[in-house]
C-alpha atoms as a PDB file:
ATOM      1  CA  UNK A   1      60.854  -2.929 122.467  1.00  0.00           C
ATOM      2  CA  UNK A   2      59.733  -1.118 125.888  1.00  0.00           C
ATOM      3  CA  UNK A   3      59.801   2.829 126.003  1.00  0.00           C
ATOM      4  CA  UNK A   4      62.821   2.738 128.727  1.00  0.00           C
ATOM      5  CA  UNK A   5      64.480   1.342 126.253  1.00  0.00           C
ATOM      6  CA  UNK A   6      63.928   4.169 123.554  1.00  0.00           C
ATOM      7  CA  UNK A   7      63.874   6.491 125.588  1.00  0.00           C
ATOM      8  CA  UNK A   8      67.730   5.013 126.907  1.00  0.00           C
ATOM      9  CA  UNK A   9      68.547   4.240 122.872  1.00  0.00           C
ATOM     10  CA  UNK A  10      67.393   7.914 122.312  1.00  0.00           C
ATOM     11  CA  UNK A  11      69.816  10.007 124.674  1.00  0.00           C
ATOM     12  CA  UNK A  12      72.542   7.668 124.350  1.00  0.00           C
ATOM     13  CA  UNK A  13      72.602   8.692 120.368  1.00  0.00           C
ATOM     14  CA  UNK A  14      71.923  12.564 121.089  1.00  0.00           C
ATOM     15  CA  UNK A  15      74.962  12.099 123.678  1.00  0.00           C
ATOM     16  CA  UNK A  16      77.537  10.775 121.027  1.00  0.00           C
ATOM     17  CA  UNK A  17      75.963  13.646 118.852  1.00  0.00           C
ATOM     18  CA  UNK A  18      77.342  15.638 121.268  1.00  0.00           C
ATOM     19  CA  UNK A  19      80.409  13.741 121.829  1.00  0.00           C
ATOM     20  CA  UNK A  20      81.302  13.916 117.823  1.00  0.00           C
ATOM     21  CA  UNK A  21      80.198  17.744 117.985  1.00  0.00           C
ATOM     22  CA  UNK A  22      82.517  18.646 120.639  1.00  0.00           C
ATOM     23  CA  UNK A  23      85.409  16.273 119.136  1.00  0.00           C
ATOM     24  CA  UNK A  24      84.754  18.685 115.838  1.00  0.00           C
ATOM     25  CA  UNK A  25      84.798  22.131 117.725  1.00  0.00           C
ATOM     26  CA  UNK A  26      88.339  21.109 119.588  1.00  0.00           C
ATOM     27  CA  UNK A  27      90.206  20.600 115.817  1.00  0.00           C
ATOM     28  CA  UNK A  28      88.374  23.433 114.139  1.00  0.00           C
ATOM     29  CA  UNK A  29      89.325  25.739 117.606  1.00  0.00           C
ATOM     30  CA  UNK A  30      92.828  26.687 116.861  1.00  0.00           C
ATOM     31  CA  UNK A  31      92.640  27.836 113.116  1.00  0.00           C
ATOM     32  CA  UNK A  32      89.343  29.806 113.647  1.00  0.00           C
ATOM     33  CA  UNK A  33      91.733  31.111 116.523  1.00  0.00           C
ATOM     34  CA  UNK A  34      94.217  31.801 114.825  1.00  0.00           C
ATOM     35  CA  UNK A  35      92.012  33.070 112.216  1.00  0.00           C
ATOM     36  CA  UNK A  36      90.477  35.580 114.920  1.00  0.00           C
ATOM     37  CA  UNK A  37      93.814  37.024 115.963  1.00  0.00           C
ATOM     38  CA  UNK A  38      95.141  37.635 112.239  1.00  0.00           C
ATOM     39  CA  UNK A  39      91.708  40.210 112.244  1.00  0.00           C
ATOM     40  CA  UNK A  40      91.020  41.686 115.055  1.00  0.00           C
ATOM     41  CA  UNK A  41      95.195  41.819 116.243  1.00  0.00           C
ATOM     42  CA  UNK A  42      93.997  40.170 119.068  1.00  0.00           C
ATOM     43  CA  UNK A  43      96.947  38.980 121.820  1.00  0.00           C
ATOM     44  CA  UNK A  44      99.535  41.114 119.970  1.00  0.00           C
ATOM     45  CA  UNK A  45      98.922  39.051 116.350  1.00  0.00           C
ATOM     46  CA  UNK A  46     100.545  41.106 113.974  1.00  0.00           C
ATOM     47  CA  UNK A  47      98.639  42.174 110.635  1.00  0.00           C
ATOM     48  CA  UNK A  48      99.484  41.182 107.057  1.00  0.00           C
ATOM     49  CA  UNK A  49      99.906  44.320 104.224  1.00  0.00           C
ATOM     50  CA  UNK A  50     100.934  44.328 100.945  1.00  0.00           C
ATOM     51  CA  UNK A  51     102.580  47.667 101.107  1.00  0.00           C
ATOM     52  CA  UNK A  52     103.356  50.157 103.386  1.00  0.00           C
ATOM     53  CA  UNK A  53     101.594  53.972 103.884  1.00  0.00           C
ATOM     54  CA  UNK A  54     104.248  55.654 103.657  1.00  0.00           C
ATOM     55  CA  UNK A  55     107.088  57.293 106.749  1.00  0.00           C
ATOM     56  CA  UNK A  56     105.159  60.243 108.745  1.00  0.00           C
ATOM     57  CA  UNK A  57     106.331  62.211 111.847  1.00  0.00           C
ATOM     58  CA  UNK A  58     107.637  61.061 114.876  1.00  0.00           C
ATOM     59  CA  UNK A  59     109.794  57.422 115.576  1.00  0.00           C
ATOM     60  CA  UNK A  60     108.396  54.829 117.326  1.00  0.00           C
ATOM     61  CA  UNK A  61     111.273  51.842 118.791  1.00  0.00           C
ATOM     62  CA  UNK A  62     111.009  48.279 117.487  1.00  0.00           C
ATOM     63  CA  UNK A  63     112.794  45.882 119.787  1.00  0.00           C
ATOM     64  CA  UNK A  64     113.410  41.689 118.404  1.00  0.00           C
ATOM     65  CA  UNK A  65     113.192  38.624 120.022  1.00  0.00           C
ATOM     66  CA  UNK A  66     114.359  34.941 119.206  1.00  0.00           C
ATOM     67  CA  UNK A  67     113.793  32.030 120.820  1.00  0.00           C
ATOM     68  CA  UNK A  68     114.157  28.888 119.722  1.00  0.00           C
ATOM     69  CA  UNK A  69     112.201  25.430 120.969  1.00  0.00           C
ATOM     70  CA  UNK A  70     114.714  22.547 122.598  1.00  0.00           C
ATOM     71  CA  UNK A  71     113.173  20.652 120.480  1.00  0.00           C
ATOM     72  CA  UNK A  72     115.256  22.016 118.104  1.00  0.00           C
ATOM     73  CA  UNK A  73     118.742  22.266 117.446  1.00  0.00           C
ATOM     74  CA  UNK A  74     119.518  25.761 115.844  1.00  0.00           C
ATOM     75  CA  UNK A  75     120.811  29.143 116.620  1.00  0.00           C
ATOM     76  CA  UNK A  76     118.537  31.808 115.585  1.00  0.00           C
ATOM     77  CA  UNK A  77     119.145  35.896 116.785  1.00  0.00           C
ATOM     78  CA  UNK A  78     118.326  39.112 115.268  1.00  0.00           C
ATOM     79  CA  UNK A  79     121.477  41.128 113.357  1.00  0.00           C
ATOM     80  CA  UNK A  80     120.355  44.351 115.623  1.00  0.00           C
ATOM     81  CA  UNK A  81     118.077  44.382 118.396  1.00  0.00           C
ATOM     82  CA  UNK A  82     116.150  47.779 118.004  1.00  0.00           C
ATOM     83  CA  UNK A  83     115.261  50.043 115.062  1.00  0.00           C
ATOM     84  CA  UNK A  84     113.897  53.573 115.318  1.00  0.00           C
ATOM     85  CA  UNK A  85     111.445  54.379 112.122  1.00  0.00           C
ATOM     86  CA  UNK A  86     108.644  56.947 111.732  1.00  0.00           C
ATOM     87  CA  UNK A  87     105.120  54.685 111.465  1.00  0.00           C
ATOM     88  CA  UNK A  88     103.781  54.208 108.359  1.00  0.00           C
ATOM     89  CA  UNK A  89     108.119  53.417 107.111  1.00  0.00           C
ATOM     90  CA  UNK A  90     108.109  50.073 105.025  1.00  0.00           C
ATOM     91  CA  UNK A  91     111.267  48.641 107.153  1.00  0.00           C
ATOM     92  CA  UNK A  92     113.374  45.824 106.509  1.00  0.00           C
ATOM     93  CA  UNK A  93     115.452  44.020 109.232  1.00  0.00           C
ATOM     94  CA  UNK A  94     116.841  40.318 109.410  1.00  0.00           C
ATOM     95  CA  UNK A  95     117.206  37.184 112.112  1.00  0.00           C
ATOM     96  CA  UNK A  96     120.242  35.094 111.207  1.00  0.00           C
ATOM     97  CA  UNK A  97     119.972  31.295 112.051  1.00  0.00           C
ATOM     98  CA  UNK A  98     121.897  27.974 112.424  1.00  0.00           C
ATOM     99  CA  UNK A  99     121.436  24.446 112.074  1.00  0.00           C
ATOM    100  CA  UNK A 100     124.010  22.573 114.087  1.00  0.00           C
ATOM    101  CA  UNK A 101     122.505  19.066 113.087  1.00  0.00           C
ATOM    102  CA  UNK A 102     124.245  16.801 110.628  1.00  0.00           C
ATOM    103  CA  UNK A 103     120.386  16.212 108.871  1.00  0.00           C
ATOM    104  CA  UNK A 104     118.442  19.194 107.616  1.00  0.00           C
ATOM    105  CA  UNK A 105     115.649  20.127 110.110  1.00  0.00           C
ATOM    106  CA  UNK A 106     112.529  22.729 109.122  1.00  0.00           C
ATOM    107  CA  UNK A 107     111.126  24.800 111.707  1.00  0.00           C
ATOM    108  CA  UNK A 108     107.697  27.460 112.070  1.00  0.00           C
ATOM    109  CA  UNK A 109     108.166  30.371 113.061  1.00  0.00           C
ATOM    110  CA  UNK A 110     105.451  31.555 115.979  1.00  0.00           C
ATOM    111  CA  UNK A 111     104.955  35.377 116.734  1.00  0.00           C
ATOM    112  CA  UNK A 112     103.858  38.166 118.191  1.00  0.00           C
ATOM    113  CA  UNK A 113     103.974  42.235 119.444  1.00  0.00           C
ATOM    114  CA  UNK A 114     103.779  43.176 122.774  1.00  0.00           C
ATOM    115  CA  UNK A 115     101.628  44.838 124.102  1.00  0.00           C
ATOM    116  CA  UNK A 116      99.352  43.394 122.637  1.00  0.00           C
ATOM    117  CA  UNK A 117      96.927  46.259 122.040  1.00  0.00           C
ATOM    118  CA  UNK A 118      99.835  47.393 119.582  1.00  0.00           C
ATOM    119  CA  UNK A 119      98.918  44.031 116.891  1.00  0.00           C
ATOM    120  CA  UNK A 120      96.163  45.156 115.116  1.00  0.00           C
ATOM    121  CA  UNK A 121      98.901  48.203 114.191  1.00  0.00           C
ATOM    122  CA  UNK A 122     101.781  46.433 113.311  1.00  0.00           C
ATOM    123  CA  UNK A 123     101.598  44.940 109.755  1.00  0.00           C
ATOM    124  CA  UNK A 124     104.272  42.160 107.965  1.00  0.00           C
ATOM    125  CA  UNK A 125     104.671  42.284 104.151  1.00  0.00           C
ATOM    126  CA  UNK A 126     106.716  39.933 104.268  1.00  0.00           C
ATOM    127  CA  UNK A 127     108.231  37.321 106.742  1.00  0.00           C
ATOM    128  CA  UNK A 128     110.135  33.940 106.759  1.00  0.00           C
ATOM    129  CA  UNK A 129     107.352  33.852 109.093  1.00  0.00           C
ATOM    130  CA  UNK A 130     104.673  32.422 107.061  1.00  0.00           C
ATOM    131  CA  UNK A 131     105.931  29.272 105.714  1.00  0.00           C
ATOM    132  CA  UNK A 132     107.642  26.599 106.929  1.00  0.00           C
ATOM    133  CA  UNK A 133     112.224  26.861 106.857  1.00  0.00           C
ATOM    134  CA  UNK A 134     114.229  24.054 106.192  1.00  0.00           C
ATOM    135  CA  UNK A 135     117.987  24.084 106.731  1.00  0.00           C
ATOM    136  CA  UNK A 136     120.475  21.919 105.317  1.00  0.00           C
ATOM    137  CA  UNK A 137     123.144  20.339 107.536  1.00  0.00           C
ATOM    138  CA  UNK A 138     125.515  23.255 109.260  1.00  0.00           C
ATOM    139  CA  UNK A 139     123.581  25.423 106.896  1.00  0.00           C
ATOM    140  CA  UNK A 140     123.337  29.273 107.784  1.00  0.00           C
ATOM    141  CA  UNK A 141     120.774  31.186 106.031  1.00  0.00           C
ATOM    142  CA  UNK A 142     119.471  34.921 106.705  1.00  0.00           C
ATOM    143  CA  UNK A 143     115.728  35.694 107.060  1.00  0.00           C
ATOM    144  CA  UNK A 144     114.132  39.099 106.087  1.00  0.00           C
ATOM    145  CA  UNK A 145     110.984  40.334 107.747  1.00  0.00           C
ATOM    146  CA  UNK A 146     109.777  43.540 105.853  1.00  0.00           C
ATOM    147  CA  UNK A 147     106.930  45.368 108.130  1.00  0.00           C
ATOM    148  CA  UNK A 148     105.675  48.781 108.769  1.00  0.00           C
ATOM    149  CA  UNK A 149     104.297  50.224 111.847  1.00  0.00           C
ATOM    150  CA  UNK A 150     100.407  51.735 111.055  1.00  0.00           C
ATOM    151  CA  UNK A 151     100.155  55.707 111.489  1.00  0.00           C
ATOM    152  CA  UNK A 152      96.598  55.422 113.420  1.00  0.00           C
ATOM    153  CA  UNK A 153      98.978  53.467 116.290  1.00  0.00           C
ATOM    154  CA  UNK A 154      98.886  57.203 117.315  1.00  0.00           C
ATOM    155  CA  UNK A 155      95.815  58.246 117.243  1.00  0.00           C
ATOM    156  CA  UNK A 156      94.492  55.427 118.950  1.00  0.00           C
ATOM    157  CA  UNK A 157      94.282  56.399 123.148  1.00  0.00           C
ATOM    158  CA  UNK A 158      95.056  52.735 124.317  1.00  0.00           C
ATOM    159  CA  UNK A 159      98.002  52.802 121.568  1.00  0.00           C
ATOM    160  CA  UNK A 160      99.401  56.704 121.580  1.00  0.00           C
ATOM    161  CA  UNK A 161     101.944  57.002 124.086  1.00  0.00           C
ATOM    162  CA  UNK A 162     103.187  53.496 123.003  1.00  0.00           C
ATOM    163  CA  UNK A 163     107.270  54.167 122.588  1.00  0.00           C
ATOM    164  CA  UNK A 164     108.884  51.041 121.828  1.00  0.00           C
ATOM    165  CA  UNK A 165     106.932  47.355 120.168  1.00  0.00           C
ATOM    166  CA  UNK A 166     108.380  44.112 120.618  1.00  0.00           C
ATOM    167  CA  UNK A 167     108.663  41.753 117.755  1.00  0.00           C
ATOM    168  CA  UNK A 168     109.304  38.316 119.482  1.00  0.00           C
ATOM    169  CA  UNK A 169     109.792  34.768 117.675  1.00  0.00           C
ATOM    170  CA  UNK A 170     109.881  31.577 119.050  1.00  0.00           C
ATOM    171  CA  UNK A 171     110.735  28.722 116.185  1.00  0.00           C
ATOM    172  CA  UNK A 172     109.318  25.255 116.822  1.00  0.00           C
ATOM    173  CA  UNK A 173     110.548  21.947 115.020  1.00  0.00           C
ATOM    174  CA  UNK A 174     108.396  20.930 112.764  1.00  0.00           C
ATOM    175  CA  UNK A 175     107.326  17.145 112.172  1.00  0.00           C
ATOM    176  CA  UNK A 176     106.513  16.557 108.778  1.00  0.00           C
ATOM    177  CA  UNK A 177     108.006  18.960 107.019  1.00  0.00           C
ATOM    178  CA  UNK A 178     105.144  20.122 103.758  1.00  0.00           C
ATOM    179  CA  UNK A 179     108.345  20.913 101.589  1.00  0.00           C
ATOM    180  CA  UNK A 180     109.790  16.971 102.365  1.00  0.00           C
ATOM    181  CA  UNK A 181     112.757  18.372 104.289  1.00  0.00           C
END
């Protein structure tokens, strides 16, 4: 074997390894980005919490936005469009969903808040968005969200003047639901 052939084989092997590494990074990028956003609140990603710290003086508005992918034949709306709450106050609101098909359908909601810099201060204790939701034919469901806005939002120079936060959801169909529905 000539040295040129050996070099070509070595370059080919390295290129194949590089290609496999890039493929692995591509598959890992979505879960890694999601974890990064959840930890940092980047791009309006909310936080998860076990309990609210307790209400403090002052108020902040929370507006609710509901969207559906055109591929999911549901109706999805908030029961109320806005609330005014005290930072640190545990609050429960509901969204209503209706399946307009004659078969079980499953959806998963993705969410964010705006302005994006409020994300680290918006915490959910419970949310329908944490799991897939399966609705039977014609079924209507009342879906709760339990949340609070961290009082520290008033201490951060970038967020202290925010008077309203929008919590937005978009439901997408789930092709192969985990529940088998």
